[in-house]
Amino acid sequence: MIMIDQSKRLSEPLRWTRAGRIAVIAVAICLAGTAIGLGIYAALGGFSEPARAGCIEFTFASTTGGARLHACGAKARRLCISPEQNPQIADDLREACRRAGYATGGAGITGG
């Protein structure tokens, strides 16, 4: 029969071996160390690069999640001249242009 001594096995607590306990502790220490290391790295700004001079860069919501806009030089100037052509990101675009030192056209203009 398949169920012989099944209730006895279920009623007894699991028994950890010394090797099993050491393995679980080692994995927990590695995970904690990794989490602490990533936290410190993120706090020191390790995941982001400062925008280069003459470049605009920001992240915005899109239909597939977060999207990133990065433009430098002539392309950045073209985007900053007419931010109202991108109504979903116009406010963020104006702010990125201001930080990069580009003049923005149509500041405060709302479509309608």
N, C-alpha and C. Protein backbone atom coordinates (compact mmCIF):
# COMPACT_ATOMS: atom_id res chain seq x y z
N MET A 1 0.83 -1.18 0.00
CA MET A 1 0.00 0.00 0.00
C MET A 1 0.88 1.25 0.00
N ILE A 2 0.39 2.25 -0.71
CA ILE A 2 1.13 3.49 -0.83
C ILE A 2 1.08 4.31 0.46
N MET A 3 0.03 4.24 1.22
CA MET A 3 -0.18 5.10 2.37
C MET A 3 0.36 4.54 3.68
N ILE A 4 1.17 3.52 3.63
CA ILE A 4 1.71 2.96 4.87
C ILE A 4 2.60 3.99 5.54
N ASP A 5 2.37 4.22 6.80
CA ASP A 5 3.13 5.16 7.64
C ASP A 5 3.06 6.61 7.15
N GLN A 6 2.12 6.93 6.32
CA GLN A 6 1.99 8.30 5.82
C GLN A 6 1.65 9.26 6.96
N SER A 7 0.73 8.92 7.82
CA SER A 7 0.34 9.81 8.91
C SER A 7 1.50 10.00 9.89
N LYS A 8 2.31 8.97 10.09
CA LYS A 8 3.47 9.10 10.96
C LYS A 8 4.48 10.08 10.38
N ARG A 9 4.74 10.00 9.07
CA ARG A 9 5.69 10.93 8.43
C ARG A 9 5.17 12.36 8.48
N LEU A 10 3.88 12.54 8.31
CA LEU A 10 3.31 13.89 8.32
C LEU A 10 3.27 14.50 9.71
N SER A 11 3.18 13.68 10.73
CA SER A 11 3.08 14.21 12.09
C SER A 11 4.45 14.56 12.68
N GLU A 12 5.54 14.05 12.12
CA GLU A 12 6.88 14.35 12.64
C GLU A 12 7.41 15.62 11.97
N PRO A 13 8.10 16.46 12.75
CA PRO A 13 8.68 17.66 12.16
C PRO A 13 9.85 17.30 11.23
N LEU A 14 10.13 18.21 10.31
CA LEU A 14 11.27 17.99 9.42
C LEU A 14 12.56 18.02 10.23
N ARG A 15 13.51 17.24 9.81
CA ARG A 15 14.80 17.22 10.49
C ARG A 15 15.83 17.82 9.55
N TRP A 16 16.45 18.87 10.02
CA TRP A 16 17.48 19.53 9.24
C TRP A 16 18.82 18.87 9.55
N THR A 17 19.57 18.64 8.51
CA THR A 17 20.93 18.15 8.73
C THR A 17 21.84 19.35 8.89
N ARG A 18 23.01 19.11 9.38
CA ARG A 18 23.97 20.21 9.57
C ARG A 18 24.31 20.84 8.21
N ALA A 19 24.52 20.03 7.20
CA ALA A 19 24.84 20.53 5.87
C ALA A 19 23.69 21.37 5.31
N GLY A 20 22.47 20.96 5.54
CA GLY A 20 21.31 21.71 5.07
C GLY A 20 21.22 23.08 5.72
N ARG A 21 21.45 23.12 7.04
CA ARG A 21 21.43 24.40 7.75
C ARG A 21 22.53 25.32 7.25
N ILE A 22 23.72 24.79 7.05
CA ILE A 22 24.84 25.61 6.57
C ILE A 22 24.54 26.16 5.17
N ALA A 23 23.97 25.34 4.32
CA ALA A 23 23.63 25.78 2.96
C ALA A 23 22.61 26.91 2.98
N VAL A 24 21.57 26.77 3.81
CA VAL A 24 20.54 27.81 3.89
C VAL A 24 21.13 29.10 4.44
N ILE A 25 21.97 29.02 5.45
CA ILE A 25 22.59 30.20 6.03
C ILE A 25 23.51 30.87 5.01
N ALA A 26 24.27 30.08 4.25
CA ALA A 26 25.18 30.64 3.25
C ALA A 26 24.40 31.38 2.16
N VAL A 27 23.30 30.81 1.70
CA VAL A 27 22.48 31.45 0.67
C VAL A 27 21.87 32.75 1.22
N ALA A 28 21.39 32.72 2.46
CA ALA A 28 20.81 33.92 3.07
C ALA A 28 21.85 35.03 3.20
N ILE A 29 23.07 34.68 3.58
CA ILE A 29 24.13 35.68 3.71
C ILE A 29 24.48 36.27 2.34
N CYS A 30 24.54 35.44 1.31
CA CYS A 30 24.83 35.93 -0.04
C CYS A 30 23.74 36.88 -0.54
N LEU A 31 22.49 36.51 -0.32
CA LEU A 31 21.38 37.37 -0.75
C LEU A 31 21.38 38.70 0.00
N ALA A 32 21.62 38.65 1.31
CA ALA A 32 21.65 39.88 2.09
C ALA A 32 22.82 40.76 1.64
N GLY A 33 23.97 40.17 1.41
CA GLY A 33 25.13 40.94 0.95
C GLY A 33 24.89 41.59 -0.40
N THR A 34 24.26 40.85 -1.30
CA THR A 34 23.94 41.40 -2.62
C THR A 34 22.95 42.56 -2.50
N ALA A 35 21.93 42.40 -1.69
CA ALA A 35 20.94 43.47 -1.51
C ALA A 35 21.58 44.72 -0.91
N ILE A 36 22.44 44.53 0.07
CA ILE A 36 23.11 45.68 0.69
C ILE A 36 24.03 46.36 -0.32
N GLY A 37 24.77 45.56 -1.08
CA GLY A 37 25.67 46.12 -2.08
C GLY A 37 24.94 46.91 -3.15
N LEU A 38 23.82 46.37 -3.66
CA LEU A 38 23.04 47.09 -4.65
C LEU A 38 22.42 48.36 -4.08
N GLY A 39 22.01 48.31 -2.81
CA GLY A 39 21.46 49.50 -2.17
C GLY A 39 22.49 50.61 -2.07
N ILE A 40 23.69 50.27 -1.68
CA ILE A 40 24.77 51.26 -1.57
C ILE A 40 25.11 51.81 -2.96
N TYR A 41 25.20 50.94 -3.95
CA TYR A 41 25.52 51.35 -5.31
C TYR A 41 24.46 52.32 -5.84
N ALA A 42 23.19 52.01 -5.60
CA ALA A 42 22.11 52.88 -6.05
C ALA A 42 22.13 54.21 -5.30
N ALA A 43 22.41 54.17 -4.00
CA ALA A 43 22.44 55.40 -3.20
C ALA A 43 23.56 56.34 -3.65
N LEU A 44 24.63 55.78 -4.15
CA LEU A 44 25.75 56.59 -4.62
C LEU A 44 25.59 57.02 -6.07
N GLY A 45 24.44 56.69 -6.67
CA GLY A 45 24.15 57.13 -8.04
C GLY A 45 24.76 56.24 -9.10
N GLY A 46 25.02 55.01 -8.80
CA GLY A 46 25.68 54.11 -9.74
C GLY A 46 24.83 53.67 -10.91
N PHE A 47 23.51 53.82 -10.84
CA PHE A 47 22.66 53.35 -11.92
C PHE A 47 22.32 54.45 -12.92
N SER A 48 22.72 55.67 -12.65
CA SER A 48 22.38 56.75 -13.57
C SER A 48 23.63 57.53 -13.94
N GLU A 49 23.65 57.97 -15.17
CA GLU A 49 24.74 58.80 -15.66
C GLU A 49 24.25 60.23 -15.73
N PRO A 50 25.10 61.19 -15.41
CA PRO A 50 24.68 62.58 -15.58
C PRO A 50 24.58 62.89 -17.07
N ALA A 51 23.62 63.71 -17.42
CA ALA A 51 23.45 64.08 -18.83
C ALA A 51 24.66 64.88 -19.28
N ARG A 52 25.13 64.59 -20.49
CA ARG A 52 26.26 65.32 -21.04
C ARG A 52 25.82 66.73 -21.41
N ALA A 53 26.78 67.63 -21.52
CA ALA A 53 26.48 69.00 -21.92
C ALA A 53 25.87 69.00 -23.31
N GLY A 54 24.80 69.74 -23.48
CA GLY A 54 24.14 69.82 -24.78
C GLY A 54 23.17 68.69 -25.04
N CYS A 55 22.90 67.86 -24.03
CA CYS A 55 22.00 66.73 -24.21
C CYS A 55 20.80 66.86 -23.28
N ILE A 56 19.66 66.38 -23.75
CA ILE A 56 18.48 66.27 -22.90
C ILE A 56 18.19 64.80 -22.70
N GLU A 57 17.73 64.48 -21.51
CA GLU A 57 17.46 63.08 -21.21
C GLU A 57 16.44 63.00 -20.08
N PHE A 58 15.42 62.17 -20.28
CA PHE A 58 14.46 61.90 -19.22
C PHE A 58 13.69 60.64 -19.53
N THR A 59 13.03 60.12 -18.51
CA THR A 59 12.23 58.90 -18.63
C THR A 59 10.77 59.29 -18.48
N PHE A 60 9.91 58.67 -19.29
CA PHE A 60 8.49 59.00 -19.24
C PHE A 60 7.67 57.73 -19.46
N ALA A 61 6.39 57.80 -19.11
CA ALA A 61 5.49 56.66 -19.27
C ALA A 61 5.10 56.51 -20.72
N SER A 62 5.11 55.26 -21.19
CA SER A 62 4.66 54.99 -22.55
C SER A 62 3.71 53.80 -22.51
N THR A 63 3.20 53.41 -23.66
CA THR A 63 2.22 52.32 -23.70
C THR A 63 2.81 50.98 -23.32
N THR A 64 4.12 50.83 -23.45
CA THR A 64 4.76 49.56 -23.11
C THR A 64 5.55 49.63 -21.82
N GLY A 65 5.32 50.68 -21.02
CA GLY A 65 6.05 50.84 -19.77
C GLY A 65 6.82 52.13 -19.79
N GLY A 66 7.99 52.14 -19.19
CA GLY A 66 8.81 53.34 -19.16
C GLY A 66 9.64 53.45 -20.43
N ALA A 67 9.74 54.67 -20.95
CA ALA A 67 10.56 54.93 -22.13
C ALA A 67 11.55 56.02 -21.79
N ARG A 68 12.64 56.06 -22.51
CA ARG A 68 13.69 57.03 -22.23
C ARG A 68 13.93 57.86 -23.48
N LEU A 69 13.96 59.17 -23.30
CA LEU A 69 14.26 60.07 -24.40
C LEU A 69 15.65 60.62 -24.17
N HIS A 70 16.51 60.50 -25.15
CA HIS A 70 17.87 61.01 -25.07
C HIS A 70 18.19 61.65 -26.41
N ALA A 71 18.55 62.93 -26.39
CA ALA A 71 18.90 63.63 -27.62
C ALA A 71 20.00 64.63 -27.33
N CYS A 72 20.88 64.80 -28.29
CA CYS A 72 22.00 65.74 -28.15
C CYS A 72 22.07 66.64 -29.37
N GLY A 73 22.68 67.79 -29.19
CA GLY A 73 22.97 68.69 -30.31
C GLY A 73 21.74 69.17 -31.05
N ALA A 74 21.79 69.03 -32.37
CA ALA A 74 20.73 69.56 -33.23
C ALA A 74 19.39 68.89 -32.95
N LYS A 75 19.41 67.60 -32.67
CA LYS A 75 18.15 66.90 -32.38
C LYS A 75 17.53 67.44 -31.09
N ALA A 76 18.35 67.71 -30.09
CA ALA A 76 17.84 68.26 -28.83
C ALA A 76 17.26 69.65 -29.05
N ARG A 77 17.96 70.49 -29.82
CA ARG A 77 17.44 71.83 -30.11
C ARG A 77 16.11 71.76 -30.84
N ARG A 78 16.00 70.83 -31.81
CA ARG A 78 14.76 70.67 -32.57
C ARG A 78 13.60 70.27 -31.65
N LEU A 79 13.86 69.35 -30.72
CA LEU A 79 12.80 68.94 -29.78
C LEU A 79 12.42 70.08 -28.85
N CYS A 80 13.40 70.87 -28.43
CA CYS A 80 13.12 71.95 -27.47
C CYS A 80 12.40 73.13 -28.11
N ILE A 81 12.59 73.34 -29.40
CA ILE A 81 11.93 74.46 -30.08
C ILE A 81 10.42 74.27 -30.08
N SER A 82 9.96 73.04 -30.24
CA SER A 82 8.51 72.81 -30.33
C SER A 82 8.08 71.63 -29.46
N PRO A 83 8.11 71.80 -28.13
CA PRO A 83 7.70 70.69 -27.25
C PRO A 83 6.22 70.34 -27.38
N GLU A 84 5.40 71.28 -27.88
CA GLU A 84 3.96 71.00 -28.00
C GLU A 84 3.66 69.97 -29.08
N GLN A 85 4.63 69.62 -29.92
CA GLN A 85 4.43 68.56 -30.89
C GLN A 85 4.38 67.19 -30.23
N ASN A 86 4.80 67.13 -28.98
CA ASN A 86 4.77 65.90 -28.18
C ASN A 86 3.95 66.16 -26.92
N PRO A 87 2.61 66.28 -27.05
CA PRO A 87 1.80 66.73 -25.91
C PRO A 87 1.87 65.84 -24.68
N GLN A 88 2.10 64.54 -24.85
CA GLN A 88 2.14 63.64 -23.70
C GLN A 88 3.36 63.91 -22.81
N ILE A 89 4.43 64.39 -23.42
CA ILE A 89 5.68 64.59 -22.67
C ILE A 89 6.13 66.04 -22.67
N ALA A 90 5.27 66.97 -23.08
CA ALA A 90 5.67 68.36 -23.25
C ALA A 90 6.24 68.97 -21.98
N ASP A 91 5.59 68.74 -20.84
CA ASP A 91 6.08 69.34 -19.59
C ASP A 91 7.45 68.78 -19.20
N ASP A 92 7.61 67.46 -19.32
CA ASP A 92 8.90 66.85 -19.00
C ASP A 92 9.98 67.32 -19.98
N LEU A 93 9.60 67.46 -21.23
CA LEU A 93 10.53 67.91 -22.26
C LEU A 93 10.99 69.34 -21.98
N ARG A 94 10.05 70.21 -21.62
CA ARG A 94 10.43 71.60 -21.28
C ARG A 94 11.41 71.63 -20.10
N GLU A 95 11.14 70.81 -19.09
CA GLU A 95 12.02 70.78 -17.91
C GLU A 95 13.42 70.28 -18.29
N ALA A 96 13.50 69.23 -19.11
CA ALA A 96 14.80 68.70 -19.53
C ALA A 96 15.54 69.73 -20.37
N CYS A 97 14.82 70.46 -21.22
CA CYS A 97 15.45 71.50 -22.03
C CYS A 97 15.97 72.63 -21.15
N ARG A 98 15.20 73.01 -20.14
CA ARG A 98 15.64 74.06 -19.23
C ARG A 98 16.92 73.66 -18.51
N ARG A 99 16.96 72.38 -18.04
CA ARG A 99 18.16 71.90 -17.34
C ARG A 99 19.38 71.89 -18.25
N ALA A 100 19.17 71.61 -19.54
CA ALA A 100 20.28 71.55 -20.49
C ALA A 100 20.66 72.93 -21.02
N GLY A 101 19.84 73.94 -20.71
CA GLY A 101 20.16 75.30 -21.15
C GLY A 101 19.59 75.68 -22.51
N TYR A 102 18.65 74.90 -23.02
CA TYR A 102 18.03 75.21 -24.30
C TYR A 102 16.77 76.04 -24.07
N ALA A 103 16.54 76.99 -24.97
CA ALA A 103 15.30 77.77 -24.91
C ALA A 103 14.18 76.91 -25.46
N THR A 104 13.01 77.03 -24.84
CA THR A 104 11.88 76.24 -25.31
C THR A 104 10.86 77.14 -25.94
N GLY A 105 10.33 76.73 -27.07
CA GLY A 105 9.25 77.47 -27.71
C GLY A 105 7.93 76.97 -27.20
N GLY A 106 6.97 77.82 -27.13
CA GLY A 106 5.63 77.41 -26.74
C GLY A 106 5.48 77.11 -25.27
N ALA A 107 6.33 77.65 -24.41
CA ALA A 107 6.21 77.40 -22.99
C ALA A 107 4.90 77.99 -22.50
N GLY A 108 4.10 77.16 -21.87
CA GLY A 108 2.84 77.61 -21.32
C GLY A 108 1.69 77.57 -22.31
N ILE A 109 1.97 77.22 -23.56
CA ILE A 109 0.89 77.16 -24.56
C ILE A 109 0.17 75.83 -24.40
N THR A 110 -1.12 75.88 -24.36
CA THR A 110 -1.90 74.64 -24.30
C THR A 110 -2.73 74.53 -25.55
N GLY A 111 -2.84 73.33 -26.05
CA GLY A 111 -3.64 73.11 -27.25
C GLY A 111 -5.12 73.09 -26.93
N GLY A 112 -5.95 73.41 -27.88
CA GLY A 112 -7.36 73.31 -27.59
C GLY A 112 -8.19 73.96 -28.52
